[in-house]
Structures are given as C-alpha cells and as structure tokens.
C-alpha cells in the first residue's frame, strides 16, 4: 500500500472509496458498498494496513531475487 491514497466517496452509486497512486502510476479505482457501515469498515482496514507497512516494520537490505511480478529483498525486523 506504499504510495496509495484512499479516500471516501458517496454519490448516487452508493457509499464508495477511491484508491489512487500518489504519483499517478496506476489508474484510479472506485469501489462501492451497500451501506455506509461497510464503507467505513473498509476505510478502517485499509488505513490499518497502510500504517503497518513493511517499510515501518523492516529495514530493507539488498535485493536477493526477482520474478515477473515481484522482487525479494533481505530484511531485518526493526523490533529485534
């Protein structure tokens, strides 16, 4: 979730959220929910994941591998 911005949006489609990249790298996405309670729960969950970013928990060291969809880095947990 690094670099993503999450905002609430409500209109005639219902209660929604917008997810976009801060640099515009990826297209903006909109998701709508049946009610405001579900919208708020998703906003809470996404916010929690953003606060628990891997970059906050680990010191990222050298790259040790890569594939078509990801890269793998050696890391050290900051707590220990």
PDB file of N, CA and C in Angstrom:
ATOM      1  N   UNK A   1       0.820  -1.179   0.000  1.00  0.00           N
ATOM      2  CA  UNK A   1       0.000   0.000   0.000  1.00  0.00           C
ATOM      3  C   UNK A   1       0.868   1.248   0.000  1.00  0.00           C
ATOM      4  N   UNK A   2       2.147   1.051  -0.157  1.00  0.00           N
ATOM      5  CA  UNK A   2       3.059   2.188  -0.188  1.00  0.00           C
ATOM      6  C   UNK A   2       2.743   3.079  -1.385  1.00  0.00           C
ATOM      7  N   UNK A   3       2.519   4.360  -1.142  1.00  0.00           N
ATOM      8  CA  UNK A   3       2.256   5.308  -2.212  1.00  0.00           C
ATOM      9  C   UNK A   3       0.801   5.416  -2.617  1.00  0.00           C
ATOM     10  N   UNK A   4      -0.095   4.693  -1.940  1.00  0.00           N
ATOM     11  CA  UNK A   4      -1.504   4.752  -2.302  1.00  0.00           C
ATOM     12  C   UNK A   4      -2.256   5.748  -1.426  1.00  0.00           C
ATOM     13  N   UNK A   5      -3.237   6.400  -2.029  1.00  0.00           N
ATOM     14  CA  UNK A   5      -4.114   7.328  -1.330  1.00  0.00           C
ATOM     15  C   UNK A   5      -5.506   6.717  -1.365  1.00  0.00           C
ATOM     16  N   UNK A   6      -6.161   6.661  -0.208  1.00  0.00           N
ATOM     17  CA  UNK A   6      -7.506   6.098  -0.106  1.00  0.00           C
ATOM     18  C   UNK A   6      -8.431   7.196   0.401  1.00  0.00           C
ATOM     19  N   UNK A   7      -9.527   7.437  -0.336  1.00  0.00           N
ATOM     20  CA  UNK A   7     -10.487   8.471   0.037  1.00  0.00           C
ATOM     21  C   UNK A   7     -11.897   7.905  -0.007  1.00  0.00           C
ATOM     22  N   UNK A   8     -12.790   8.483   0.808  1.00  0.00           N
ATOM     23  CA  UNK A   8     -14.190   8.074   0.745  1.00  0.00           C
ATOM     24  C   UNK A   8     -14.898   8.894  -0.323  1.00  0.00           C
ATOM     25  N   UNK A   9     -15.955   8.311  -0.893  1.00  0.00           N
ATOM     26  CA  UNK A   9     -16.738   8.987  -1.919  1.00  0.00           C
ATOM     27  C   UNK A   9     -18.164   8.463  -1.835  1.00  0.00           C
ATOM     28  N   UNK A  10     -19.125   9.369  -1.782  1.00  0.00           N
ATOM     29  CA  UNK A  10     -20.526   8.972  -1.766  1.00  0.00           C
ATOM     30  C   UNK A  10     -21.257   9.743  -2.858  1.00  0.00           C
ATOM     31  N   UNK A  11     -22.074   9.036  -3.619  1.00  0.00           N
ATOM     32  CA  UNK A  11     -22.882   9.659  -4.664  1.00  0.00           C
ATOM     33  C   UNK A  11     -24.074   8.765  -4.955  1.00  0.00           C
ATOM     34  N   UNK A  12     -24.687   8.929  -6.105  1.00  0.00           N
ATOM     35  CA  UNK A  12     -25.871   8.133  -6.438  1.00  0.00           C
ATOM     36  C   UNK A  12     -25.565   6.641  -6.576  1.00  0.00           C
ATOM     37  N   UNK A  13     -24.280   6.291  -6.786  1.00  0.00           N
ATOM     38  CA  UNK A  13     -23.887   4.875  -6.866  1.00  0.00           C
ATOM     39  C   UNK A  13     -23.847   4.221  -5.494  1.00  0.00           C
ATOM     40  N   UNK A  14     -23.814   5.014  -4.446  1.00  0.00           N
ATOM     41  CA  UNK A  14     -23.757   4.476  -3.092  1.00  0.00           C
ATOM     42  C   UNK A  14     -22.589   5.035  -2.324  1.00  0.00           C
ATOM     43  N   UNK A  15     -22.150   4.261  -1.349  1.00  0.00           N
ATOM     44  CA  UNK A  15     -21.037   4.651  -0.492  1.00  0.00           C
ATOM     45  C   UNK A  15     -19.776   4.005  -1.041  1.00  0.00           C
ATOM     46  N   UNK A  16     -18.806   4.819  -1.386  1.00  0.00           N
ATOM     47  CA  UNK A  16     -17.636   4.263  -2.047  1.00  0.00           C
ATOM     48  C   UNK A  16     -16.314   4.720  -1.476  1.00  0.00           C
ATOM     49  N   UNK A  17     -15.267   4.140  -2.033  1.00  0.00           N
ATOM     50  CA  UNK A  17     -13.901   4.559  -1.743  1.00  0.00           C
ATOM     51  C   UNK A  17     -13.162   4.667  -3.073  1.00  0.00           C
ATOM     52  N   UNK A  18     -12.200   5.558  -3.101  1.00  0.00           N
ATOM     53  CA  UNK A  18     -11.334   5.731  -4.261  1.00  0.00           C
ATOM     54  C   UNK A  18      -9.921   5.383  -3.823  1.00  0.00           C
ATOM     55  N   UNK A  19      -9.241   4.569  -4.622  1.00  0.00           N
ATOM     56  CA  UNK A  19      -7.845   4.227  -4.359  1.00  0.00           C
ATOM     57  C   UNK A  19      -7.040   4.713  -5.546  1.00  0.00           C
ATOM     58  N   UNK A  20      -6.025   5.543  -5.274  1.00  0.00           N
ATOM     59  CA  UNK A  20      -5.175   6.060  -6.346  1.00  0.00           C
ATOM     60  C   UNK A  20      -3.732   6.117  -5.878  1.00  0.00           C
ATOM     61  N   UNK A  21      -2.821   6.114  -6.812  1.00  0.00           N
ATOM     62  CA  UNK A  21      -1.400   6.191  -6.519  1.00  0.00           C
ATOM     63  C   UNK A  21      -0.989   7.648  -6.449  1.00  0.00           C
ATOM     64  N   UNK A  22      -0.159   8.016  -5.475  1.00  0.00           N
ATOM     65  CA  UNK A  22       0.218   9.424  -5.289  1.00  0.00           C
ATOM     66  C   UNK A  22       0.909  10.021  -6.509  1.00  0.00           C
ATOM     67  N   UNK A  23       1.602   9.201  -7.300  1.00  0.00           N
ATOM     68  CA  UNK A  23       2.305   9.696  -8.477  1.00  0.00           C
ATOM     69  C   UNK A  23       1.542   9.430  -9.775  1.00  0.00           C
ATOM     70  N   UNK A  24       0.325   8.891  -9.673  1.00  0.00           N
ATOM     71  CA  UNK A  24      -0.467   8.608 -10.860  1.00  0.00           C
ATOM     72  C   UNK A  24       0.058   7.447 -11.686  1.00  0.00           C
ATOM     73  N   UNK A  25       0.873   6.594 -11.075  1.00  0.00           N
ATOM     74  CA  UNK A  25       1.474   5.456 -11.784  1.00  0.00           C
ATOM     75  C   UNK A  25       0.411   4.451 -12.221  1.00  0.00           C
ATOM     76  N   UNK A  26      -0.582   4.224 -11.356  1.00  0.00           N
ATOM     77  CA  UNK A  26      -1.638   3.263 -11.651  1.00  0.00           C
ATOM     78  C   UNK A  26      -2.959   4.002 -11.825  1.00  0.00           C
ATOM     79  N   UNK A  27      -3.888   3.444 -12.599  1.00  0.00           N
ATOM     80  CA  UNK A  27      -5.187   4.105 -12.764  1.00  0.00           C
ATOM     81  C   UNK A  27      -5.980   4.119 -11.460  1.00  0.00           C
ATOM     82  N   UNK A  28      -6.749   5.172 -11.269  1.00  0.00           N
ATOM     83  CA  UNK A  28      -7.608   5.302 -10.093  1.00  0.00           C
ATOM     84  C   UNK A  28      -8.707   4.247 -10.140  1.00  0.00           C
ATOM     85  N   UNK A  29      -9.028   3.676  -8.975  1.00  0.00           N
ATOM     86  CA  UNK A  29     -10.084   2.653  -8.880  1.00  0.00           C
ATOM     87  C   UNK A  29     -11.149   3.121  -7.900  1.00  0.00           C
ATOM     88  N   UNK A  30     -12.403   2.850  -8.217  1.00  0.00           N
ATOM     89  CA  UNK A  30     -13.522   3.168  -7.327  1.00  0.00           C
ATOM     90  C   UNK A  30     -14.249   1.887  -6.947  1.00  0.00           C
ATOM     91  N   UNK A  31     -14.611   1.780  -5.676  1.00  0.00           N
ATOM     92  CA  UNK A  31     -15.357   0.635  -5.165  1.00  0.00           C
ATOM     93  C   UNK A  31     -16.551   1.170  -4.380  1.00  0.00           C
ATOM     94  N   UNK A  32     -17.713   0.548  -4.553  1.00  0.00           N
ATOM     95  CA  UNK A  32     -18.923   0.985  -3.868  1.00  0.00           C
ATOM     96  C   UNK A  32     -19.495  -0.132  -3.005  1.00  0.00           C
ATOM     97  N   UNK A  33     -20.135   0.288  -1.889  1.00  0.00           N
ATOM     98  CA  UNK A  33     -20.663  -0.649  -0.904  1.00  0.00           C
ATOM     99  C   UNK A  33     -22.152  -0.398  -0.702  1.00  0.00           C
ATOM    100  N   UNK A  34     -22.830  -1.392  -0.150  1.00  0.00           N
ATOM    101  CA  UNK A  34     -24.274  -1.307   0.063  1.00  0.00           C
ATOM    102  C   UNK A  34     -24.660  -0.253   1.092  1.00  0.00           C
ATOM    103  N   UNK A  35     -23.780  -0.029   2.060  1.00  0.00           N
ATOM    104  CA  UNK A  35     -24.132   0.925   3.112  1.00  0.00           C
ATOM    105  C   UNK A  35     -22.879   1.613   3.655  1.00  0.00           C
ATOM    106  N   UNK A  36     -23.109   2.645   4.436  1.00  0.00           N
ATOM    107  CA  UNK A  36     -22.018   3.447   4.989  1.00  0.00           C
ATOM    108  C   UNK A  36     -21.182   2.659   6.001  1.00  0.00           C
ATOM    109  N   UNK A  37     -21.798   1.729   6.701  1.00  0.00           N
ATOM    110  CA  UNK A  37     -21.074   0.904   7.680  1.00  0.00           C
ATOM    111  C   UNK A  37     -19.979   0.088   6.992  1.00  0.00           C
ATOM    112  N   UNK A  38     -20.311  -0.538   5.868  1.00  0.00           N
ATOM    113  CA  UNK A  38     -19.312  -1.319   5.117  1.00  0.00           C
ATOM    114  C   UNK A  38     -18.209  -0.414   4.577  1.00  0.00           C
ATOM    115  N   UNK A  39     -18.589   0.762   4.084  1.00  0.00           N
ATOM    116  CA  UNK A  39     -17.600   1.714   3.579  1.00  0.00           C
ATOM    117  C   UNK A  39     -16.603   2.082   4.679  1.00  0.00           C
ATOM    118  N   UNK A  40     -17.121   2.431   5.849  1.00  0.00           N
ATOM    119  CA  UNK A  40     -16.244   2.837   6.956  1.00  0.00           C
ATOM    120  C   UNK A  40     -15.346   1.692   7.428  1.00  0.00           C
ATOM    121  N   UNK A  41     -15.876   0.470   7.412  1.00  0.00           N
ATOM    122  CA  UNK A  41     -15.068  -0.683   7.817  1.00  0.00           C
ATOM    123  C   UNK A  41     -13.909  -0.906   6.848  1.00  0.00           C
ATOM    124  N   UNK A  42     -14.170  -0.782   5.536  1.00  0.00           N
ATOM    125  CA  UNK A  42     -13.091  -0.921   4.549  1.00  0.00           C
ATOM    126  C   UNK A  42     -12.063   0.199   4.694  1.00  0.00           C
ATOM    127  N   UNK A  43     -12.519   1.417   4.943  1.00  0.00           N
ATOM    128  CA  UNK A  43     -11.576   2.523   5.152  1.00  0.00           C
ATOM    129  C   UNK A  43     -10.695   2.261   6.369  1.00  0.00           C
ATOM    130  N   UNK A  44     -11.293   1.720   7.436  1.00  0.00           N
ATOM    131  CA  UNK A  44     -10.534   1.405   8.650  1.00  0.00           C
ATOM    132  C   UNK A  44      -9.491   0.322   8.369  1.00  0.00           C
ATOM    133  N   UNK A  45      -9.896  -0.736   7.673  1.00  0.00           N
ATOM    134  CA  UNK A  45      -8.989  -1.842   7.382  1.00  0.00           C
ATOM    135  C   UNK A  45      -7.832  -1.381   6.486  1.00  0.00           C
ATOM    136  N   UNK A  46      -8.156  -0.634   5.437  1.00  0.00           N
ATOM    137  CA  UNK A  46      -7.104  -0.153   4.533  1.00  0.00           C
ATOM    138  C   UNK A  46      -6.143   0.788   5.249  1.00  0.00           C
ATOM    139  N   UNK A  47      -6.665   1.622   6.127  1.00  0.00           N
ATOM    140  CA  UNK A  47      -5.819   2.525   6.906  1.00  0.00           C
ATOM    141  C   UNK A  47      -4.885   1.732   7.826  1.00  0.00           C
ATOM    142  N   UNK A  48      -5.416   0.674   8.446  1.00  0.00           N
ATOM    143  CA  UNK A  48      -4.614  -0.170   9.331  1.00  0.00           C
ATOM    144  C   UNK A  48      -3.473  -0.834   8.565  1.00  0.00           C
ATOM    145  N   UNK A  49      -3.750  -1.349   7.375  1.00  0.00           N
ATOM    146  CA  UNK A  49      -2.703  -1.967   6.565  1.00  0.00           C
ATOM    147  C   UNK A  49      -1.654  -0.951   6.146  1.00  0.00           C
ATOM    148  N   UNK A  50      -2.092   0.252   5.815  1.00  0.00           N
ATOM    149  CA  UNK A  50      -1.157   1.280   5.386  1.00  0.00           C
ATOM    150  C   UNK A  50      -0.218   1.658   6.527  1.00  0.00           C
ATOM    151  N   UNK A  51      -0.745   1.743   7.749  1.00  0.00           N
ATOM    152  CA  UNK A  51       0.070   2.077   8.917  1.00  0.00           C
ATOM    153  C   UNK A  51       1.055   0.965   9.259  1.00  0.00           C
ATOM    154  N   UNK A  52       0.738  -0.272   8.888  1.00  0.00           N
ATOM    155  CA  UNK A  52       1.595  -1.413   9.186  1.00  0.00           C
ATOM    156  C   UNK A  52       2.445  -1.800   7.975  1.00  0.00           C
ATOM    157  N   UNK A  53       2.894  -0.816   7.248  1.00  0.00           N
ATOM    158  CA  UNK A  53       3.702  -1.041   6.052  1.00  0.00           C
ATOM    159  C   UNK A  53       4.959  -1.846   6.381  1.00  0.00           C
ATOM    160  N   UNK A  54       5.377  -2.658   5.446  1.00  0.00           N
ATOM    161  CA  UNK A  54       6.606  -3.432   5.605  1.00  0.00           C
ATOM    162  C   UNK A  54       7.795  -2.497   5.854  1.00  0.00           C
ATOM    163  N   UNK A  55       7.746  -1.294   5.303  1.00  0.00           N
ATOM    164  CA  UNK A  55       8.843  -0.341   5.479  1.00  0.00           C
ATOM    165  C   UNK A  55       8.901   0.198   6.902  1.00  0.00           C
ATOM    166  N   UNK A  56       7.776   0.160   7.630  1.00  0.00           N
ATOM    167  CA  UNK A  56       7.767   0.571   9.031  1.00  0.00           C
ATOM    168  C   UNK A  56       8.260  -0.549   9.943  1.00  0.00           C
ATOM    169  N   UNK A  57       8.143  -1.787   9.502  1.00  0.00           N
ATOM    170  CA  UNK A  57       8.479  -2.935  10.339  1.00  0.00           C
ATOM    171  C   UNK A  57       9.867  -3.509  10.082  1.00  0.00           C
ATOM    172  N   UNK A  58      10.414  -3.287   8.874  1.00  0.00           N
ATOM    173  CA  UNK A  58      11.674  -3.908   8.500  1.00  0.00           C
ATOM    174  C   UNK A  58      12.653  -2.899   7.920  1.00  0.00           C
ATOM    175  N   UNK A  59      13.917  -3.135   8.157  1.00  0.00           N
ATOM    176  CA  UNK A  59      14.992  -2.430   7.483  1.00  0.00           C
ATOM    177  C   UNK A  59      15.281  -3.241   6.225  1.00  0.00           C
ATOM    178  N   UNK A  60      15.064  -2.650   5.060  1.00  0.00           N
ATOM    179  CA  UNK A  60      15.213  -3.357   3.790  1.00  0.00           C
ATOM    180  C   UNK A  60      16.673  -3.299   3.358  1.00  0.00           C
ATOM    181  N   UNK A  61      17.249  -4.465   3.104  1.00  0.00           N
ATOM    182  CA  UNK A  61      18.651  -4.553   2.710  1.00  0.00           C
ATOM    183  C   UNK A  61      18.748  -4.846   1.217  1.00  0.00           C
ATOM    184  N   UNK A  62      19.667  -5.682   0.809  1.00  0.00           N
ATOM    185  CA  UNK A  62      19.912  -5.911  -0.618  1.00  0.00           C
ATOM    186  C   UNK A  62      18.841  -6.780  -1.281  1.00  0.00           C
ATOM    187  N   UNK A  63      18.709  -6.608  -2.569  1.00  0.00           N
ATOM    188  CA  UNK A  63      17.795  -7.415  -3.380  1.00  0.00           C
ATOM    189  C   UNK A  63      18.426  -8.787  -3.573  1.00  0.00           C
ATOM    190  N   UNK A  64      17.632  -9.856  -3.320  1.00  0.00           N
ATOM    191  CA  UNK A  64      18.186 -11.202  -3.450  1.00  0.00           C
ATOM    192  C   UNK A  64      17.497 -12.019  -4.541  1.00  0.00           C
ATOM    193  N   UNK A  65      16.468 -11.457  -5.164  1.00  0.00           N
ATOM    194  CA  UNK A  65      15.807 -12.185  -6.237  1.00  0.00           C
ATOM    195  C   UNK A  65      14.702 -11.364  -6.862  1.00  0.00           C
ATOM    196  N   UNK A  66      14.239 -11.812  -8.029  1.00  0.00           N
ATOM    197  CA  UNK A  66      13.148 -11.116  -8.716  1.00  0.00           C
ATOM    198  C   UNK A  66      12.415 -12.094  -9.626  1.00  0.00           C
ATOM    199  N   UNK A  67      11.148 -11.828  -9.817  1.00  0.00           N
ATOM    200  CA  UNK A  67      10.324 -12.628 -10.719  1.00  0.00           C
ATOM    201  C   UNK A  67       9.531 -11.695 -11.610  1.00  0.00           C
ATOM    202  N   UNK A  68       8.536 -12.242 -12.291  1.00  0.00           N
ATOM    203  CA  UNK A  68       7.714 -11.428 -13.181  1.00  0.00           C
ATOM    204  C   UNK A  68       6.864 -10.402 -12.440  1.00  0.00           C
ATOM    205  N   UNK A  69       6.454 -10.707 -11.211  1.00  0.00           N
ATOM    206  CA  UNK A  69       5.514  -9.855 -10.505  1.00  0.00           C
ATOM    207  C   UNK A  69       6.028  -9.289  -9.188  1.00  0.00           C
ATOM    208  N   UNK A  70       7.249  -9.617  -8.804  1.00  0.00           N
ATOM    209  CA  UNK A  70       7.742  -9.109  -7.530  1.00  0.00           C
ATOM    210  C   UNK A  70       9.256  -9.186  -7.456  1.00  0.00           C
ATOM    211  N   UNK A  71       9.766  -8.525  -6.450  1.00  0.00           N
ATOM    212  CA  UNK A  71      11.192  -8.597  -6.114  1.00  0.00           C
ATOM    213  C   UNK A  71      11.303  -9.046  -4.664  1.00  0.00           C
ATOM    214  N   UNK A  72      12.385  -9.711  -4.336  1.00  0.00           N
ATOM    215  CA  UNK A  72      12.608 -10.212  -2.982  1.00  0.00           C
ATOM    216  C   UNK A  72      13.849  -9.537  -2.417  1.00  0.00           C
ATOM    217  N   UNK A  73      13.703  -9.010  -1.194  1.00  0.00           N
ATOM    218  CA  UNK A  73      14.806  -8.319  -0.536  1.00  0.00           C
ATOM    219  C   UNK A  73      15.109  -8.972   0.788  1.00  0.00           C
ATOM    220  N   UNK A  74      16.357  -8.935   1.185  1.00  0.00           N
ATOM    221  CA  UNK A  74      16.743  -9.361   2.525  1.00  0.00           C
ATOM    222  C   UNK A  74      16.363  -8.222   3.462  1.00  0.00           C
ATOM    223  N   UNK A  75      15.851  -8.556   4.638  1.00  0.00           N
ATOM    224  CA  UNK A  75      15.443  -7.533   5.575  1.00  0.00           C
ATOM    225  C   UNK A  75      15.699  -7.948   7.014  1.00  0.00           C
ATOM    226  N   UNK A  76      15.686  -6.953   7.882  1.00  0.00           N
ATOM    227  CA  UNK A  76      15.868  -7.192   9.323  1.00  0.00           C
ATOM    228  C   UNK A  76      14.699  -6.508  10.036  1.00  0.00           C
ATOM    229  N   UNK A  77      14.031  -7.272  10.901  1.00  0.00           N
ATOM    230  CA  UNK A  77      12.919  -6.707  11.660  1.00  0.00           C
ATOM    231  C   UNK A  77      13.461  -5.655  12.608  1.00  0.00           C
ATOM    232  N   UNK A  78      12.869  -4.481  12.599  1.00  0.00           N
ATOM    233  CA  UNK A  78      13.352  -3.356  13.403  1.00  0.00           C
ATOM    234  C   UNK A  78      13.224  -3.600  14.901  1.00  0.00           C
ATOM    235  N   UNK A  79      12.182  -4.332  15.326  1.00  0.00           N
ATOM    236  CA  UNK A  79      11.962  -4.589  16.749  1.00  0.00           C
ATOM    237  C   UNK A  79      13.094  -5.407  17.360  1.00  0.00           C
ATOM    238  N   UNK A  80      13.625  -6.352  16.584  1.00  0.00           N
ATOM    239  CA  UNK A  80      14.611  -7.263  17.152  1.00  0.00           C
ATOM    240  C   UNK A  80      15.994  -6.946  16.631  1.00  0.00           C
TER     241      UNK A  80
END
